[in-house]
Amino acid sequence: FKILVSCVPAAIIGVLFDDVFNRLFYNPVCVA
């Protein structure tokens, strides 16, 4: 149950903005 609580923030962000974040931050400079 505690693990599920830990999952909530990332789950919301991932479902809503996954494509946006991939487009903005999936590049060598951001990774570095």
All heavy atoms as atom14 arrays in JSON, in Angstrom:
{
  "sequence": "FKILVSCVPAAIIGVLFDDVFNRLFYNPVCVA",
  "atom14_mask": [
    [1, 1, 1, 1, 1, 1, 1, 1, 1, 1, 1, 0, 0, 0],
    [1, 1, 1, 1, 1, 1, 1, 1, 1, 0, 0, 0, 0, 0],
    [1, 1, 1, 1, 1, 1, 1, 1, 0, 0, 0, 0, 0, 0],
    [1, 1, 1, 1, 1, 1, 1, 1, 0, 0, 0, 0, 0, 0],
    [1, 1, 1, 1, 1, 1, 1, 0, 0, 0, 0, 0, 0, 0],
    [1, 1, 1, 1, 1, 1, 0, 0, 0, 0, 0, 0, 0, 0],
    [1, 1, 1, 1, 1, 1, 0, 0, 0, 0, 0, 0, 0, 0],
    [1, 1, 1, 1, 1, 1, 1, 0, 0, 0, 0, 0, 0, 0],
    [1, 1, 1, 1, 1, 1, 1, 0, 0, 0, 0, 0, 0, 0],
    [1, 1, 1, 1, 1, 0, 0, 0, 0, 0, 0, 0, 0, 0],
    [1, 1, 1, 1, 1, 0, 0, 0, 0, 0, 0, 0, 0, 0],
    [1, 1, 1, 1, 1, 1, 1, 1, 0, 0, 0, 0, 0, 0],
    [1, 1, 1, 1, 1, 1, 1, 1, 0, 0, 0, 0, 0, 0],
    [1, 1, 1, 1, 0, 0, 0, 0, 0, 0, 0, 0, 0, 0],
    [1, 1, 1, 1, 1, 1, 1, 0, 0, 0, 0, 0, 0, 0],
    [1, 1, 1, 1, 1, 1, 1, 1, 0, 0, 0, 0, 0, 0],
    [1, 1, 1, 1, 1, 1, 1, 1, 1, 1, 1, 0, 0, 0],
    [1, 1, 1, 1, 1, 1, 1, 1, 0, 0, 0, 0, 0, 0],
    [1, 1, 1, 1, 1, 1, 1, 1, 0, 0, 0, 0, 0, 0],
    [1, 1, 1, 1, 1, 1, 1, 0, 0, 0, 0, 0, 0, 0],
    [1, 1, 1, 1, 1, 1, 1, 1, 1, 1, 1, 0, 0, 0],
    [1, 1, 1, 1, 1, 1, 1, 1, 0, 0, 0, 0, 0, 0],
    [1, 1, 1, 1, 1, 1, 1, 1, 1, 1, 1, 0, 0, 0],
    [1, 1, 1, 1, 1, 1, 1, 1, 0, 0, 0, 0, 0, 0],
    [1, 1, 1, 1, 1, 1, 1, 1, 1, 1, 1, 0, 0, 0],
    [1, 1, 1, 1, 1, 1, 1, 1, 1, 1, 1, 1, 0, 0],
    [1, 1, 1, 1, 1, 1, 1, 1, 0, 0, 0, 0, 0, 0],
    [1, 1, 1, 1, 1, 1, 1, 0, 0, 0, 0, 0, 0, 0],
    [1, 1, 1, 1, 1, 1, 1, 0, 0, 0, 0, 0, 0, 0],
    [1, 1, 1, 1, 1, 1, 0, 0, 0, 0, 0, 0, 0, 0],
    [1, 1, 1, 1, 1, 1, 1, 0, 0, 0, 0, 0, 0, 0],
    [1, 1, 1, 1, 1, 0, 0, 0, 0, 0, 0, 0, 0, 0]
  ],
  "atom14_positions": [
    [[0.84, -1.2, 0.0], [0.0, 0.0, 0.0], [0.87, 1.25, 0.0], [0.57, 2.25, -0.67], [-0.94, 0.0, 1.2], [-2.09, -0.96, 1.07], [-2.42, -1.82, 2.11], [-2.84, -1.01, -0.09], [-3.47, -2.71, 2.0], [-3.91, -1.9, -0.22], [-4.22, -2.76, 0.82], [0.0, 0.0, 0.0], [0.0, 0.0, 0.0], [0.0, 0.0, 0.0]],
    [[1.97, 1.21, 0.74], [2.9, 2.35, 0.76], [3.59, 2.52, -0.59], [3.81, 3.64, -1.05], [3.93, 2.16, 1.88], [3.33, 2.22, 3.28], [4.33, 1.76, 4.34], [3.67, 1.7, 5.71], [4.57, 1.13, 6.75], [0.0, 0.0, 0.0], [0.0, 0.0, 0.0], [0.0, 0.0, 0.0], [0.0, 0.0, 0.0], [0.0, 0.0, 0.0]],
    [[3.92, 1.39, -1.23], [4.53, 1.46, -2.55], [3.57, 2.09, -3.56], [3.96, 2.89, -4.41], [4.97, 0.05, -3.0], [6.25, -0.35, -2.24], [5.23, 0.01, -4.51], [6.7, -1.76, -2.49], [0.0, 0.0, 0.0], [0.0, 0.0, 0.0], [0.0, 0.0, 0.0], [0.0, 0.0, 0.0], [0.0, 0.0, 0.0], [0.0, 0.0, 0.0]],
    [[2.29, 1.74, -3.45], [1.3, 2.34, -4.34], [1.21, 3.85, -4.12], [1.06, 4.61, -5.08], [-0.08, 1.69, -4.11], [-0.22, 0.25, -4.58], [-1.6, -0.29, -4.24], [0.01, 0.15, -6.09], [0.0, 0.0, 0.0], [0.0, 0.0, 0.0], [0.0, 0.0, 0.0], [0.0, 0.0, 0.0], [0.0, 0.0, 0.0], [0.0, 0.0, 0.0]],
    [[1.33, 4.28, -2.87], [1.36, 5.72, -2.58], [2.56, 6.37, -3.26], [2.46, 7.46, -3.83], [1.39, 5.96, -1.05], [1.69, 7.44, -0.74], [0.08, 5.55, -0.4], [0.0, 0.0, 0.0], [0.0, 0.0, 0.0], [0.0, 0.0, 0.0], [0.0, 0.0, 0.0], [0.0, 0.0, 0.0], [0.0, 0.0, 0.0], [0.0, 0.0, 0.0]],
    [[3.71, 5.69, -3.21], [4.91, 6.21, -3.87], [4.74, 6.29, -5.39], [5.37, 7.13, -6.04], [6.11, 5.32, -3.56], [6.45, 5.34, -2.19], [0.0, 0.0, 0.0], [0.0, 0.0, 0.0], [0.0, 0.0, 0.0], [0.0, 0.0, 0.0], [0.0, 0.0, 0.0], [0.0, 0.0, 0.0], [0.0, 0.0, 0.0], [0.0, 0.0, 0.0]],
    [[3.9, 5.43, -5.95], [3.72, 5.37, -7.4], [2.84, 6.5, -7.93], [2.95, 6.87, -9.11], [3.09, 4.04, -7.8], [4.18, 2.61, -7.63], [0.0, 0.0, 0.0], [0.0, 0.0, 0.0], [0.0, 0.0, 0.0], [0.0, 0.0, 0.0], [0.0, 0.0, 0.0], [0.0, 0.0, 0.0], [0.0, 0.0, 0.0], [0.0, 0.0, 0.0]],
    [[1.96, 7.02, -7.09], [0.94, 7.96, -7.56], [1.51, 9.18, -8.27], [1.09, 9.5, -9.4], [0.02, 8.39, -6.4], [-0.89, 9.55, -6.82], [-0.81, 7.21, -5.91], [0.0, 0.0, 0.0], [0.0, 0.0, 0.0], [0.0, 0.0, 0.0], [0.0, 0.0, 0.0], [0.0, 0.0, 0.0], [0.0, 0.0, 0.0], [0.0, 0.0, 0.0]],
    [[2.48, 9.91, -7.68], [2.98, 11.11, -8.37], [3.55, 10.83, -9.77], [3.2, 11.51, -10.73], [4.07, 11.63, -7.42], [3.69, 11.1, -6.08], [3.12, 9.74, -6.35], [0.0, 0.0, 0.0], [0.0, 0.0, 0.0], [0.0, 0.0, 0.0], [0.0, 0.0, 0.0], [0.0, 0.0, 0.0], [0.0, 0.0, 0.0], [0.0, 0.0, 0.0]],
    [[4.42, 9.81, -9.87], [5.04, 9.5, -11.16], [4.02, 8.96, -12.16], [4.13, 9.22, -13.37], [6.16, 8.48, -10.97], [0.0, 0.0, 0.0], [0.0, 0.0, 0.0], [0.0, 0.0, 0.0], [0.0, 0.0, 0.0], [0.0, 0.0, 0.0], [0.0, 0.0, 0.0], [0.0, 0.0, 0.0], [0.0, 0.0, 0.0], [0.0, 0.0, 0.0]],
    [[3.02, 8.22, -11.67], [1.99, 7.67, -12.56], [1.19, 8.8, -13.21], [0.93, 8.77, -14.42], [1.07, 6.74, -11.78], [0.0, 0.0, 0.0], [0.0, 0.0, 0.0], [0.0, 0.0, 0.0], [0.0, 0.0, 0.0], [0.0, 0.0, 0.0], [0.0, 0.0, 0.0], [0.0, 0.0, 0.0], [0.0, 0.0, 0.0], [0.0, 0.0, 0.0]],
    [[0.83, 9.79, -12.42], [0.06, 10.91, -12.96], [0.89, 11.68, -13.99], [0.42, 11.98, -15.09], [-0.37, 11.85, -11.82], [-1.37, 11.13, -10.9], [-1.01, 13.13, -12.38], [-1.73, 11.92, -9.66], [0.0, 0.0, 0.0], [0.0, 0.0, 0.0], [0.0, 0.0, 0.0], [0.0, 0.0, 0.0], [0.0, 0.0, 0.0], [0.0, 0.0, 0.0]],
    [[2.13, 11.98, -13.62], [3.0, 12.72, -14.52], [3.28, 11.93, -15.8], [3.26, 12.48, -16.91], [4.34, 13.05, -13.82], [4.11, 14.04, -12.68], [5.35, 13.62, -14.82], [3.59, 15.39, -13.12], [0.0, 0.0, 0.0], [0.0, 0.0, 0.0], [0.0, 0.0, 0.0], [0.0, 0.0, 0.0], [0.0, 0.0, 0.0], [0.0, 0.0, 0.0]],
    [[3.54, 10.62, -15.64], [3.87, 9.79, -16.79], [2.74, 9.68, -17.8], [2.95, 9.79, -19.01], [0.0, 0.0, 0.0], [0.0, 0.0, 0.0], [0.0, 0.0, 0.0], [0.0, 0.0, 0.0], [0.0, 0.0, 0.0], [0.0, 0.0, 0.0], [0.0, 0.0, 0.0], [0.0, 0.0, 0.0], [0.0, 0.0, 0.0], [0.0, 0.0, 0.0]],
    [[1.52, 9.47, -17.31], [0.36, 9.31, -18.19], [0.05, 10.62, -18.92], [-0.25, 10.63, -20.12], [-0.86, 8.83, -17.4], [-2.12, 8.89, -18.26], [-0.65, 7.41, -16.89], [0.0, 0.0, 0.0], [0.0, 0.0, 0.0], [0.0, 0.0, 0.0], [0.0, 0.0, 0.0], [0.0, 0.0, 0.0], [0.0, 0.0, 0.0], [0.0, 0.0, 0.0]],
    [[0.14, 11.73, -18.21], [-0.26, 13.02, -18.78], [0.81, 13.66, -19.67], [0.49, 14.3, -20.67], [-0.63, 13.99, -17.66], [-1.86, 13.62, -16.81], [-2.08, 14.67, -15.73], [-3.1, 13.49, -17.68], [0.0, 0.0, 0.0], [0.0, 0.0, 0.0], [0.0, 0.0, 0.0], [0.0, 0.0, 0.0], [0.0, 0.0, 0.0], [0.0, 0.0, 0.0]],
    [[2.08, 13.48, -19.3], [3.12, 14.27, -19.96], [4.28, 13.47, -20.51], [5.33, 14.06, -20.83], [3.67, 15.32, -18.97], [2.61, 16.22, -18.39], [2.21, 16.07, -17.07], [2.02, 17.21, -19.16], [1.24, 16.9, -16.53], [1.05, 18.05, -18.64], [0.64, 17.9, -17.31], [0.0, 0.0, 0.0], [0.0, 0.0, 0.0], [0.0, 0.0, 0.0]],
    [[4.15, 12.16, -20.64], [5.27, 11.32, -21.09], [5.84, 11.8, -22.43], [7.05, 11.97, -22.58], [4.82, 9.86, -21.2], [5.96, 8.94, -21.62], [6.96, 8.89, -20.9], [5.83, 8.28, -22.67], [0.0, 0.0, 0.0], [0.0, 0.0, 0.0], [0.0, 0.0, 0.0], [0.0, 0.0, 0.0], [0.0, 0.0, 0.0], [0.0, 0.0, 0.0]],
    [[4.98, 12.03, -23.41], [5.43, 12.46, -24.73], [6.09, 13.84, -24.69], [7.08, 14.1, -25.38], [4.26, 12.48, -25.72], [3.76, 11.08, -26.04], [4.56, 10.13, -25.91], [2.58, 10.93, -26.4], [0.0, 0.0, 0.0], [0.0, 0.0, 0.0], [0.0, 0.0, 0.0], [0.0, 0.0, 0.0], [0.0, 0.0, 0.0], [0.0, 0.0, 0.0]],
    [[5.55, 14.72, -23.86], [6.09, 16.08, -23.74], [7.51, 16.04, -23.18], [8.42, 16.68, -23.72], [5.2, 16.95, -22.83], [5.84, 18.32, -22.62], [3.81, 17.09, -23.42], [0.0, 0.0, 0.0], [0.0, 0.0, 0.0], [0.0, 0.0, 0.0], [0.0, 0.0, 0.0], [0.0, 0.0, 0.0], [0.0, 0.0, 0.0], [0.0, 0.0, 0.0]],
    [[7.68, 15.27, -22.1], [9.0, 15.2, -21.48], [10.01, 14.53, -22.4], [11.18, 14.92, -22.44], [8.92, 14.46, -20.15], [8.13, 15.21, -19.1], [7.31, 14.53, -18.22], [8.2, 16.58, -19.01], [6.57, 15.21, -17.26], [7.47, 17.28, -18.06], [6.65, 16.59, -17.19], [0.0, 0.0, 0.0], [0.0, 0.0, 0.0], [0.0, 0.0, 0.0]],
    [[9.57, 13.5, -23.13], [10.47, 12.84, -24.08], [10.96, 13.84, -25.14], [12.13, 13.85, -25.52], [9.78, 11.66, -24.76], [9.83, 10.41, -23.91], [10.54, 10.34, -22.91], [9.05, 9.41, -24.29], [0.0, 0.0, 0.0], [0.0, 0.0, 0.0], [0.0, 0.0, 0.0], [0.0, 0.0, 0.0], [0.0, 0.0, 0.0], [0.0, 0.0, 0.0]],
    [[10.03, 14.66, -25.62], [10.38, 15.63, -26.66], [11.31, 16.72, -26.13], [12.25, 17.15, -26.82], [9.1, 16.26, -27.21], [9.35, 17.19, -28.4], [8.04, 17.64, -29.03], [7.24, 18.48, -28.15], [6.14, 18.08, -27.53], [5.7, 16.84, -27.7], [5.45, 18.89, -26.74], [0.0, 0.0, 0.0], [0.0, 0.0, 0.0], [0.0, 0.0, 0.0]],
    [[11.07, 17.17, -24.9], [11.84, 18.3, -24.36], [13.19, 17.89, -23.78], [14.18, 18.62, -23.92], [11.01, 19.0, -23.27], [9.76, 19.74, -23.73], [9.02, 20.3, -22.51], [10.1, 20.85, -24.69], [0.0, 0.0, 0.0], [0.0, 0.0, 0.0], [0.0, 0.0, 0.0], [0.0, 0.0, 0.0], [0.0, 0.0, 0.0], [0.0, 0.0, 0.0]],
    [[13.23, 16.73, -23.1], [14.41, 16.41, -22.29], [15.19, 15.18, -22.74], [16.25, 14.91, -22.19], [13.99, 16.22, -20.82], [13.27, 17.42, -20.25], [12.0, 17.3, -19.74], [13.88, 18.66, -20.24], [11.33, 18.4, -19.22], [13.23, 19.76, -19.71], [11.94, 19.64, -19.21], [0.0, 0.0, 0.0], [0.0, 0.0, 0.0], [0.0, 0.0, 0.0]],
    [[14.65, 14.42, -23.71], [15.37, 13.22, -24.14], [16.43, 13.61, -25.14], [16.31, 13.35, -26.34], [14.4, 12.18, -24.73], [14.95, 10.77, -24.68], [14.62, 9.91, -23.64], [15.82, 10.3, -25.66], [15.12, 8.62, -23.6], [16.33, 9.02, -25.63], [15.97, 8.19, -24.59], [16.48, 6.91, -24.55], [0.0, 0.0, 0.0], [0.0, 0.0, 0.0]],
    [[17.5, 14.24, -24.63], [18.61, 14.66, -25.48], [19.88, 14.58, -24.65], [19.84, 14.57, -23.42], [18.38, 16.07, -26.02], [18.23, 17.09, -24.92], [19.2, 17.47, -24.26], [16.99, 17.57, -24.69], [0.0, 0.0, 0.0], [0.0, 0.0, 0.0], [0.0, 0.0, 0.0], [0.0, 0.0, 0.0], [0.0, 0.0, 0.0], [0.0, 0.0, 0.0]],
    [[21.05, 14.51, -25.3], [22.31, 14.3, -24.58], [22.61, 15.34, -23.51], [23.14, 15.01, -22.45], [23.35, 14.34, -25.71], [22.6, 13.92, -26.92], [21.22, 14.48, -26.76], [0.0, 0.0, 0.0], [0.0, 0.0, 0.0], [0.0, 0.0, 0.0], [0.0, 0.0, 0.0], [0.0, 0.0, 0.0], [0.0, 0.0, 0.0], [0.0, 0.0, 0.0]],
    [[22.3, 16.61, -23.77], [22.62, 17.67, -22.81], [21.83, 17.49, -21.52], [22.39, 17.57, -20.41], [22.34, 19.06, -23.41], [22.53, 20.14, -22.35], [23.25, 19.33, -24.6], [0.0, 0.0, 0.0], [0.0, 0.0, 0.0], [0.0, 0.0, 0.0], [0.0, 0.0, 0.0], [0.0, 0.0, 0.0], [0.0, 0.0, 0.0], [0.0, 0.0, 0.0]],
    [[20.54, 17.23, -21.64], [19.71, 17.03, -20.44], [20.11, 15.78, -19.68], [20.15, 15.76, -18.45], [18.23, 16.96, -20.84], [17.52, 18.55, -21.3], [0.0, 0.0, 0.0], [0.0, 0.0, 0.0], [0.0, 0.0, 0.0], [0.0, 0.0, 0.0], [0.0, 0.0, 0.0], [0.0, 0.0, 0.0], [0.0, 0.0, 0.0], [0.0, 0.0, 0.0]],
    [[20.42, 14.71, -20.41], [20.85, 13.47, -19.77], [22.16, 13.7, -19.01], [22.31, 13.28, -17.86], [21.03, 12.35, -20.82], [21.73, 11.14, -20.19], [19.67, 11.92, -21.37], [0.0, 0.0, 0.0], [0.0, 0.0, 0.0], [0.0, 0.0, 0.0], [0.0, 0.0, 0.0], [0.0, 0.0, 0.0], [0.0, 0.0, 0.0], [0.0, 0.0, 0.0]],
    [[23.11, 14.38, -19.65], [24.4, 14.66, -19.0], [24.21, 15.53, -17.77], [24.86, 15.31, -16.74], [25.34, 15.32, -19.99], [0.0, 0.0, 0.0], [0.0, 0.0, 0.0], [0.0, 0.0, 0.0], [0.0, 0.0, 0.0], [0.0, 0.0, 0.0], [0.0, 0.0, 0.0], [0.0, 0.0, 0.0], [0.0, 0.0, 0.0], [0.0, 0.0, 0.0]]
  ]
}
